[in-house]
C-alpha atoms as a PDB file:
ATOM      1  CA  UNK A   1    -127.195 161.956 -87.043  1.00  0.00           C
ATOM      2  CA  UNK A   2    -124.066 161.869 -89.159  1.00  0.00           C
ATOM      3  CA  UNK A   3    -122.729 158.695 -90.730  1.00  0.00           C
ATOM      4  CA  UNK A   4    -119.045 158.634 -89.719  1.00  0.00           C
ATOM      5  CA  UNK A   5    -116.830 155.704 -90.680  1.00  0.00           C
ATOM      6  CA  UNK A   6    -113.177 154.760 -90.422  1.00  0.00           C
ATOM      7  CA  UNK A   7    -112.377 151.986 -92.917  1.00  0.00           C
ATOM      8  CA  UNK A   8    -109.436 149.686 -93.486  1.00  0.00           C
ATOM      9  CA  UNK A   9    -110.705 148.665 -96.939  1.00  0.00           C
ATOM     10  CA  UNK A  10    -111.468 150.477-100.213  1.00  0.00           C
ATOM     11  CA  UNK A  11    -114.782 152.268-100.748  1.00  0.00           C
ATOM     12  CA  UNK A  12    -116.606 153.729-103.751  1.00  0.00           C
ATOM     13  CA  UNK A  13    -117.232 157.455-103.197  1.00  0.00           C
ATOM     14  CA  UNK A  14    -119.857 157.753-105.923  1.00  0.00           C
ATOM     15  CA  UNK A  15    -121.915 154.875-104.553  1.00  0.00           C
ATOM     16  CA  UNK A  16    -121.686 156.316-101.036  1.00  0.00           C
ATOM     17  CA  UNK A  17    -122.897 159.747-102.202  1.00  0.00           C
ATOM     18  CA  UNK A  18    -125.688 158.212-104.301  1.00  0.00           C
ATOM     19  CA  UNK A  19    -126.941 156.230-101.297  1.00  0.00           C
ATOM     20  CA  UNK A  20    -126.860 159.298 -99.055  1.00  0.00           C
ATOM     21  CA  UNK A  21    -128.620 161.485-101.627  1.00  0.00           C
ATOM     22  CA  UNK A  22    -131.364 158.898-102.153  1.00  0.00           C
ATOM     23  CA  UNK A  23    -132.111 159.055 -98.423  1.00  0.00           C
ATOM     24  CA  UNK A  24    -132.513 162.862 -98.561  1.00  0.00           C
ATOM     25  CA  UNK A  25    -135.019 163.679-101.319  1.00  0.00           C
ATOM     26  CA  UNK A  26    -135.904 166.913 -99.489  1.00  0.00           C
ATOM     27  CA  UNK A  27    -132.338 168.232 -99.850  1.00  0.00           C
ATOM     28  CA  UNK A  28    -131.858 171.005-102.375  1.00  0.00           C
ATOM     29  CA  UNK A  29    -128.139 170.297-102.647  1.00  0.00           C
ATOM     30  CA  UNK A  30    -125.598 167.575-102.015  1.00  0.00           C
ATOM     31  CA  UNK A  31    -121.945 168.570-101.872  1.00  0.00           C
ATOM     32  CA  UNK A  32    -119.171 165.977-101.839  1.00  0.00           C
ATOM     33  CA  UNK A  33    -115.397 166.090-101.668  1.00  0.00           C
ATOM     34  CA  UNK A  34    -113.197 163.064-102.287  1.00  0.00           C
ATOM     35  CA  UNK A  35    -109.508 163.124-101.440  1.00  0.00           C
ATOM     36  CA  UNK A  36    -107.313 160.555-103.115  1.00  0.00           C
ATOM     37  CA  UNK A  37    -103.711 159.342-103.039  1.00  0.00           C
ATOM     38  CA  UNK A  38    -101.674 161.496-105.410  1.00  0.00           C
ATOM     39  CA  UNK A  39     -99.837 159.729-108.193  1.00  0.00           C
ATOM     40  CA  UNK A  40     -96.509 161.521-107.803  1.00  0.00           C
ATOM     41  CA  UNK A  41     -93.046 160.503-108.976  1.00  0.00           C
ATOM     42  CA  UNK A  42     -92.028 157.324-107.242  1.00  0.00           C
ATOM     43  CA  UNK A  43     -95.120 156.981-105.037  1.00  0.00           C
ATOM     44  CA  UNK A  44     -96.049 153.326-104.812  1.00  0.00           C
ATOM     45  CA  UNK A  45     -98.402 153.557-101.842  1.00  0.00           C
ATOM     46  CA  UNK A  46     -99.521 155.680 -98.918  1.00  0.00           C
ATOM     47  CA  UNK A  47     -99.943 154.172 -95.462  1.00  0.00           C
ATOM     48  CA  UNK A  48    -102.086 155.910 -92.847  1.00  0.00           C
ATOM     49  CA  UNK A  49    -102.201 154.794 -89.252  1.00  0.00           C
ATOM     50  CA  UNK A  50    -104.314 156.128 -86.389  1.00  0.00           C
ATOM     51  CA  UNK A  51    -104.689 156.020 -82.633  1.00  0.00           C
ATOM     52  CA  UNK A  52    -107.902 154.053 -82.231  1.00  0.00           C
ATOM     53  CA  UNK A  53    -109.138 155.502 -78.907  1.00  0.00           C
ATOM     54  CA  UNK A  54    -109.098 159.040 -80.329  1.00  0.00           C
ATOM     55  CA  UNK A  55    -109.662 158.837 -84.071  1.00  0.00           C
ATOM     56  CA  UNK A  56    -113.300 157.795 -84.475  1.00  0.00           C
ATOM     57  CA  UNK A  57    -114.537 159.730 -81.416  1.00  0.00           C
ATOM     58  CA  UNK A  58    -112.751 162.822 -82.760  1.00  0.00           C
ATOM     59  CA  UNK A  59    -114.341 162.382 -86.182  1.00  0.00           C
ATOM     60  CA  UNK A  60    -117.781 161.994 -84.584  1.00  0.00           C
ATOM     61  CA  UNK A  61    -117.277 165.128 -82.486  1.00  0.00           C
ATOM     62  CA  UNK A  62    -116.287 167.058 -85.611  1.00  0.00           C
ATOM     63  CA  UNK A  63    -119.415 165.844 -87.420  1.00  0.00           C
ATOM     64  CA  UNK A  64    -121.583 166.824 -84.441  1.00  0.00           C
ATOM     65  CA  UNK A  65    -120.064 170.300 -84.476  1.00  0.00           C
ATOM     66  CA  UNK A  66    -120.848 170.683 -88.183  1.00  0.00           C
ATOM     67  CA  UNK A  67    -124.421 169.528 -87.584  1.00  0.00           C
ATOM     68  CA  UNK A  68    -124.806 172.116 -84.840  1.00  0.00           C
ATOM     69  CA  UNK A  69    -123.536 174.941 -87.082  1.00  0.00           C
ATOM     70  CA  UNK A  70    -125.453 174.253 -90.301  1.00  0.00           C
ATOM     71  CA  UNK A  71    -128.960 173.028 -91.148  1.00  0.00           C
ATOM     72  CA  UNK A  72    -128.077 169.657 -92.668  1.00  0.00           C
ATOM     73  CA  UNK A  73    -130.288 166.819 -93.826  1.00  0.00           C
ATOM     74  CA  UNK A  74    -127.351 164.417 -93.819  1.00  0.00           C
ATOM     75  CA  UNK A  75    -123.599 164.344 -93.288  1.00  0.00           C
ATOM     76  CA  UNK A  76    -121.291 161.537 -94.379  1.00  0.00           C
ATOM     77  CA  UNK A  77    -117.620 161.267 -93.381  1.00  0.00           C
ATOM     78  CA  UNK A  78    -115.597 158.266 -94.561  1.00  0.00           C
ATOM     79  CA  UNK A  79    -111.841 158.017 -93.946  1.00  0.00           C
ATOM     80  CA  UNK A  80    -109.450 155.233 -94.893  1.00  0.00           C
ATOM     81  CA  UNK A  81    -106.558 153.854 -92.910  1.00  0.00           C
ATOM     82  CA  UNK A  82    -103.989 151.298 -93.995  1.00  0.00           C
ATOM     83  CA  UNK A  83    -102.111 151.004 -97.270  1.00  0.00           C
ATOM     84  CA  UNK A  84    -103.545 152.728-100.354  1.00  0.00           C
ATOM     85  CA  UNK A  85    -102.291 152.914-103.931  1.00  0.00           C
ATOM     86  CA  UNK A  86    -102.133 156.088-106.045  1.00  0.00           C
ATOM     87  CA  UNK A  87    -105.606 157.053-107.219  1.00  0.00           C
ATOM     88  CA  UNK A  88    -107.416 155.315-104.363  1.00  0.00           C
ATOM     89  CA  UNK A  89    -109.807 157.422-102.285  1.00  0.00           C
ATOM     90  CA  UNK A  90    -108.602 158.379 -98.818  1.00  0.00           C
ATOM     91  CA  UNK A  91    -111.480 160.502 -97.584  1.00  0.00           C
ATOM     92  CA  UNK A  92    -115.046 161.388 -98.511  1.00  0.00           C
ATOM     93  CA  UNK A  93    -117.022 164.224 -96.944  1.00  0.00           C
ATOM     94  CA  UNK A  94    -120.560 164.727 -98.215  1.00  0.00           C
ATOM     95  CA  UNK A  95    -123.229 167.065 -96.895  1.00  0.00           C
ATOM     96  CA  UNK A  96    -126.878 167.330 -97.907  1.00  0.00           C
ATOM     97  CA  UNK A  97    -129.006 170.339 -97.048  1.00  0.00           C
ATOM     98  CA  UNK A  98    -132.128 172.128 -98.190  1.00  0.00           C
ATOM     99  CA  UNK A  99    -129.940 175.085 -99.150  1.00  0.00           C
ATOM    100  CA  UNK A 100    -126.651 174.661-101.003  1.00  0.00           C
ATOM    101  CA  UNK A 101    -124.693 177.155 -98.897  1.00  0.00           C
ATOM    102  CA  UNK A 102    -125.190 175.026 -95.769  1.00  0.00           C
ATOM    103  CA  UNK A 103    -123.981 171.934 -97.633  1.00  0.00           C
ATOM    104  CA  UNK A 104    -120.924 173.702 -99.080  1.00  0.00           C
ATOM    105  CA  UNK A 105    -119.896 175.310 -95.803  1.00  0.00           C
ATOM    106  CA  UNK A 106    -120.383 172.181 -93.709  1.00  0.00           C
ATOM    107  CA  UNK A 107    -118.389 170.001 -96.117  1.00  0.00           C
ATOM    108  CA  UNK A 108    -115.597 172.592 -96.277  1.00  0.00           C
ATOM    109  CA  UNK A 109    -115.492 172.905 -92.485  1.00  0.00           C
ATOM    110  CA  UNK A 110    -115.327 169.149 -91.923  1.00  0.00           C
ATOM    111  CA  UNK A 111    -112.658 168.623 -94.582  1.00  0.00           C
ATOM    112  CA  UNK A 112    -110.480 171.461 -93.267  1.00  0.00           C
ATOM    113  CA  UNK A 113    -110.642 170.104 -89.725  1.00  0.00           C
ATOM    114  CA  UNK A 114    -110.016 166.503 -90.768  1.00  0.00           C
ATOM    115  CA  UNK A 115    -106.787 167.639 -92.424  1.00  0.00           C
ATOM    116  CA  UNK A 116    -105.652 169.766 -89.507  1.00  0.00           C
ATOM    117  CA  UNK A 117    -106.605 167.890 -86.359  1.00  0.00           C
END
C-alpha cells in the first residue's frame, strides 16, 4: 500500500526517503525525485491550491495504478499545498523495488502524471 500525503506544511525529503528505505531492506533500489520551488528573478513565493474532494483521491488512484504496473516494495508520494518559498520542496515521489528498473519507471510515471493531471 502506497503512502500518499498532501501537506500544508514543509517536509524533509531526505528524511522521508530514509524512513521509507529503512522499511524495505529487501529492495534492491530506491529511486526518489524531489521537485522544488525555482528561485527565478523576482519570485518571492509560490502558492498552490487544490480542490479537496478530488486531489487526495486522485493521488491515491495514481499510486494504485503505479503499484499495479510495477513490482514495488514501497511507493511514497508527498505533495505540498499552500505558500512555499524558493528552494522549498513541493513534491516527493519515491519508489522502492527489488529491481531498479521497476523503481525508476514507477517514479517517472507517477511524477509525469502528477504534473499533468
